[in-house]
Amino acid sequence: RARNESLSARVTKLEADLHDRKEKAKIHANTLTGLRGVRGDLAKLEEQKKSADERVAWLEAAMAPADD
């Protein structure tokens, strides 16, 4: 009987550990999904910055005094 109680307690602990791991896995998956979204946003912003930098360089070149 004591062995059964010990095994039952161990099973209960393992079930609780499994539940905790599943919850942590869900949190991890949600975090990764969020990071992927942020990475996509960052890539778009970097592309916009590159385009703006190119426009600024073009305008600066166009406004530079001509060497005669």
C-alpha atoms as a PDB file:
ATOM      1  CA  ARG A   1       0.000   0.000   0.000  1.00  0.00           C
ATOM      2  CA  ALA A   2       2.817   2.420   0.875  1.00  0.00           C
ATOM      3  CA  ARG A   3       4.426   1.629  -2.474  1.00  0.00           C
ATOM      4  CA  ASN A   4       1.187   2.457  -4.289  1.00  0.00           C
ATOM      5  CA  GLU A   5       0.933   5.767  -2.430  1.00  0.00           C
ATOM      6  CA  SER A   6       4.538   6.550  -3.278  1.00  0.00           C
ATOM      7  CA  LEU A   7       3.965   5.736  -6.938  1.00  0.00           C
ATOM      8  CA  SER A   8       0.744   7.747  -6.946  1.00  0.00           C
ATOM      9  CA  ALA A   9       2.543  10.748  -5.472  1.00  0.00           C
ATOM     10  CA  ARG A  10       5.271  10.412  -8.057  1.00  0.00           C
ATOM     11  CA  VAL A  11       2.740  10.221 -10.892  1.00  0.00           C
ATOM     12  CA  THR A  12       0.999  13.322  -9.531  1.00  0.00           C
ATOM     13  CA  LYS A  13       4.317  15.177  -9.412  1.00  0.00           C
ATOM     14  CA  LEU A  14       5.206  14.106 -12.947  1.00  0.00           C
ATOM     15  CA  GLU A  15       1.798  15.234 -14.200  1.00  0.00           C
ATOM     16  CA  ALA A  16       2.289  18.623 -12.534  1.00  0.00           C
ATOM     17  CA  ASP A  17       5.780  18.911 -14.035  1.00  0.00           C
ATOM     18  CA  LEU A  18       4.405  18.013 -17.463  1.00  0.00           C
ATOM     19  CA  HIS A  19       1.689  20.647 -17.125  1.00  0.00           C
ATOM     20  CA  ASP A  20       4.279  23.267 -16.146  1.00  0.00           C
ATOM     21  CA  ARG A  21       6.462  22.356 -19.116  1.00  0.00           C
ATOM     22  CA  LYS A  22       3.500  22.596 -21.481  1.00  0.00           C
ATOM     23  CA  GLU A  23       2.659  26.049 -20.127  1.00  0.00           C
ATOM     24  CA  LYS A  24       6.274  27.162 -20.494  1.00  0.00           C
ATOM     25  CA  ALA A  25       6.322  25.804 -24.051  1.00  0.00           C
ATOM     26  CA  LYS A  26       3.190  27.817 -24.881  1.00  0.00           C
ATOM     27  CA  ILE A  27       4.771  30.968 -23.462  1.00  0.00           C
ATOM     28  CA  HIS A  28       7.967  30.283 -25.403  1.00  0.00           C
ATOM     29  CA  ALA A  29       6.025  29.726 -28.636  1.00  0.00           C
ATOM     30  CA  ASN A  30       4.075  32.958 -28.132  1.00  0.00           C
ATOM     31  CA  THR A  31       7.289  34.847 -27.435  1.00  0.00           C
ATOM     32  CA  LEU A  32       8.906  33.482 -30.596  1.00  0.00           C
ATOM     33  CA  THR A  33       5.854  34.435 -32.638  1.00  0.00           C
ATOM     34  CA  GLY A  34       6.051  37.955 -31.240  1.00  0.00           C
ATOM     35  CA  LEU A  35       9.758  38.175 -31.978  1.00  0.00           C
ATOM     36  CA  ARG A  36       9.213  37.068 -35.570  1.00  0.00           C
ATOM     37  CA  GLY A  37       6.649  39.825 -35.979  1.00  0.00           C
ATOM     38  CA  VAL A  38       8.998  42.398 -34.503  1.00  0.00           C
ATOM     39  CA  ARG A  39      11.807  41.159 -36.738  1.00  0.00           C
ATOM     40  CA  GLY A  40       9.579  41.700 -39.768  1.00  0.00           C
ATOM     41  CA  ASP A  41       8.709  45.212 -38.581  1.00  0.00           C
ATOM     42  CA  LEU A  42      12.390  45.953 -38.032  1.00  0.00           C
ATOM     43  CA  ALA A  43      13.268  44.790 -41.543  1.00  0.00           C
ATOM     44  CA  LYS A  44      10.620  47.124 -42.981  1.00  0.00           C
ATOM     45  CA  LEU A  45      11.933  50.039 -40.932  1.00  0.00           C
ATOM     46  CA  GLU A  46      15.508  49.327 -41.986  1.00  0.00           C
ATOM     47  CA  GLU A  47      14.412  49.335 -45.630  1.00  0.00           C
ATOM     48  CA  GLN A  48      12.571  52.639 -45.124  1.00  0.00           C
ATOM     49  CA  LYS A  49      15.667  54.123 -43.464  1.00  0.00           C
ATOM     50  CA  LYS A  50      17.867  52.962 -46.331  1.00  0.00           C
ATOM     51  CA  SER A  51      15.490  54.534 -48.826  1.00  0.00           C
ATOM     52  CA  ALA A  52      15.386  57.791 -46.838  1.00  0.00           C
ATOM     53  CA  ASP A  53      19.191  57.844 -46.570  1.00  0.00           C
ATOM     54  CA  GLU A  54      19.445  57.398 -50.336  1.00  0.00           C
ATOM     55  CA  ARG A  55      17.004  60.279 -50.923  1.00  0.00           C
ATOM     56  CA  VAL A  56      18.966  62.513 -48.542  1.00  0.00           C
ATOM     57  CA  ALA A  57      22.228  61.674 -50.310  1.00  0.00           C
ATOM     58  CA  TRP A  58      20.629  62.425 -53.684  1.00  0.00           C
ATOM     59  CA  LEU A  59      19.249  65.759 -52.427  1.00  0.00           C
ATOM     60  CA  GLU A  60      22.589  66.718 -50.888  1.00  0.00           C
ATOM     61  CA  ALA A  61      24.329  65.939 -54.160  1.00  0.00           C
ATOM     62  CA  ALA A  62      21.739  67.922 -56.111  1.00  0.00           C
ATOM     63  CA  MET A  63      22.116  70.927 -53.802  1.00  0.00           C
ATOM     64  CA  ALA A  64      25.912  70.903 -53.794  1.00  0.00           C
ATOM     65  CA  PRO A  65      27.474  73.832 -55.600  1.00  0.00           C
ATOM     66  CA  ALA A  66      28.632  72.963 -59.067  1.00  0.00           C
ATOM     67  CA  ASP A  67      32.382  72.996 -59.599  1.00  0.00           C
ATOM     68  CA  ASP A  68      33.046  75.208 -62.602  1.00  0.00           C
END
